[in-house]
Protein backbone atom coordinates (compact mmCIF):
# COMPACT_ATOMS: atom_id res chain seq x y z
CA MET A 1 128.72 140.93 137.14
CA PRO A 2 132.06 139.91 135.60
CA TYR A 3 131.10 136.29 136.18
CA ASP A 4 128.11 136.66 133.86
CA TYR A 5 130.25 138.24 131.17
CA ASP A 6 132.79 135.39 131.32
CA THR A 7 130.07 132.75 131.13
CA GLN A 8 128.48 134.55 128.20
CA LEU A 9 131.82 134.77 126.41
CA ILE A 10 132.57 131.09 126.94
CA GLU A 11 129.13 130.07 125.67
CA SER A 12 129.41 132.26 122.59
CA VAL A 13 132.84 130.79 121.78
CA ALA A 14 131.42 127.27 122.18
CA VAL A 15 128.50 128.10 119.87
CA ARG A 16 130.87 129.62 117.31
CA ARG A 17 133.11 126.52 117.38
CA THR A 18 130.10 124.27 116.93
CA ARG A 19 128.90 126.32 113.96
CA LEU A 20 132.36 126.36 112.37
CA THR A 21 132.77 122.62 112.85
CA SER A 22 129.31 122.01 111.40
CA ALA A 23 130.04 124.27 108.42
CA LEU A 24 133.36 122.54 107.83
CA LEU A 25 131.85 119.07 107.94
CA PHE A 26 128.52 119.65 106.22
CA GLY A 27 128.78 122.92 104.28
CA GLN A 28 127.68 126.48 104.88
CA ASN A 29 123.96 126.38 104.16
CA PRO A 30 122.12 124.57 106.98
CA LEU A 31 118.85 124.56 104.98
CA GLN A 32 120.52 122.73 102.12
CA ARG A 33 122.05 120.33 104.62
CA ARG A 34 118.61 119.54 106.04
CA TRP A 35 117.18 118.86 102.57
CA THR A 36 120.03 116.53 101.63
CA ASP A 37 119.62 114.68 104.92
CA ILE A 38 115.89 114.33 104.31
CA ILE A 39 116.42 113.14 100.73
CA LYS A 40 119.03 110.61 101.82
CA LEU A 41 116.69 109.30 104.52
CA PHE A 42 113.82 109.07 102.03
CA LEU A 43 115.90 107.18 99.48
CA PHE A 44 117.18 104.83 102.17
CA SER A 45 113.58 104.21 103.30
CA VAL A 46 112.48 103.48 99.73
CA ALA A 47 115.36 101.02 99.30
CA VAL A 48 114.50 99.23 102.54
CA ALA A 49 110.82 99.06 101.56
CA ALA A 50 111.74 97.61 98.15
CA LEU A 51 113.96 95.03 99.82
CA VAL A 52 111.21 93.99 102.24
CA ALA A 53 108.70 93.75 99.39
CA ALA A 54 111.10 91.63 97.32
CA ILE A 55 111.66 89.28 100.25
CA CYS A 56 107.90 88.91 100.78
CA VAL A 57 107.27 88.20 97.09
CA GLY A 58 110.12 85.68 96.99
CA TYR A 59 108.88 83.88 100.10
CA SER A 60 105.35 83.75 98.69
CA PHE A 61 106.60 82.41 95.35
CA ILE A 62 108.72 79.69 96.93
CA SER A 63 106.02 78.60 99.39
CA ASN A 64 103.47 78.45 96.56
CA LEU A 65 105.88 76.43 94.42
CA LEU A 66 106.51 73.95 97.23
CA ALA A 67 102.78 73.61 97.93
CA GLU A 68 102.12 72.83 94.26
CA GLN A 69 104.87 70.19 94.27
CA ARG A 70 103.39 68.55 97.38
CA ALA A 71 99.95 68.49 95.77
CA GLU A 72 101.38 66.89 92.63
CA GLN A 73 103.17 64.25 94.72
CA ARG A 74 99.95 63.44 96.59
CA GLN A 75 98.05 63.18 93.34
CA ARG A 76 100.71 60.88 91.85
CA SER A 77 100.76 58.66 94.92
CA GLN A 78 96.95 58.43 94.94
CA SER A 79 96.83 57.61 91.23
CA ALA A 80 99.60 55.03 91.69
CA SER A 81 97.67 53.33 94.51
CA VAL A 82 94.51 53.28 92.37
CA ILE A 83 96.46 51.69 89.52
CA GLN A 84 97.88 49.06 91.88
CA VAL A 85 94.40 48.22 93.17
CA MET A 86 93.09 47.96 89.61
CA ASP A 87 95.84 45.45 88.75
CA LEU A 88 94.79 43.13 91.57
CA PRO A 89 92.41 40.26 90.88
CA THR A 90 88.82 40.89 91.89
CA SER A 91 88.94 38.56 94.86
CA GLU A 92 91.82 40.51 96.43
CA VAL A 93 90.07 43.87 95.83
CA ARG A 94 86.98 42.51 97.64
CA ALA A 95 89.18 41.36 100.50
CA ILE A 96 90.83 44.79 100.78
CA HIS A 97 87.58 46.75 100.76
CA GLY A 98 85.90 44.43 103.18
C-alpha cells in the first residue's frame, strides 16, 4: 500500500512540474495558448501557399515569355529564308525546288 502512495505522489509532482514549466514558457491560459498556436500555424500556411502560388505564376510567365521569343525567332528565320530565295534568279529557284 505505501508503494502506491509513493508512486502517486511522484506522478503528481511530475505533473505539477510539467504544468508549471508549461505555464512559465507559454502563459497561464492553455486555451489561449492553443488559439495562438492555431493562428500562427494558419498564418504560416497562408504564407507558404502564397509563396508556392507566386513561384508557379513566375514559372508560367517566364516559360511563356521564352516560348514567345522562340516563336518570333522561328518566324524571323523563316521570313529571312523566304527573302533570300526571292533574291535568287529564277533559274536557281527552279533548281532548288526541283
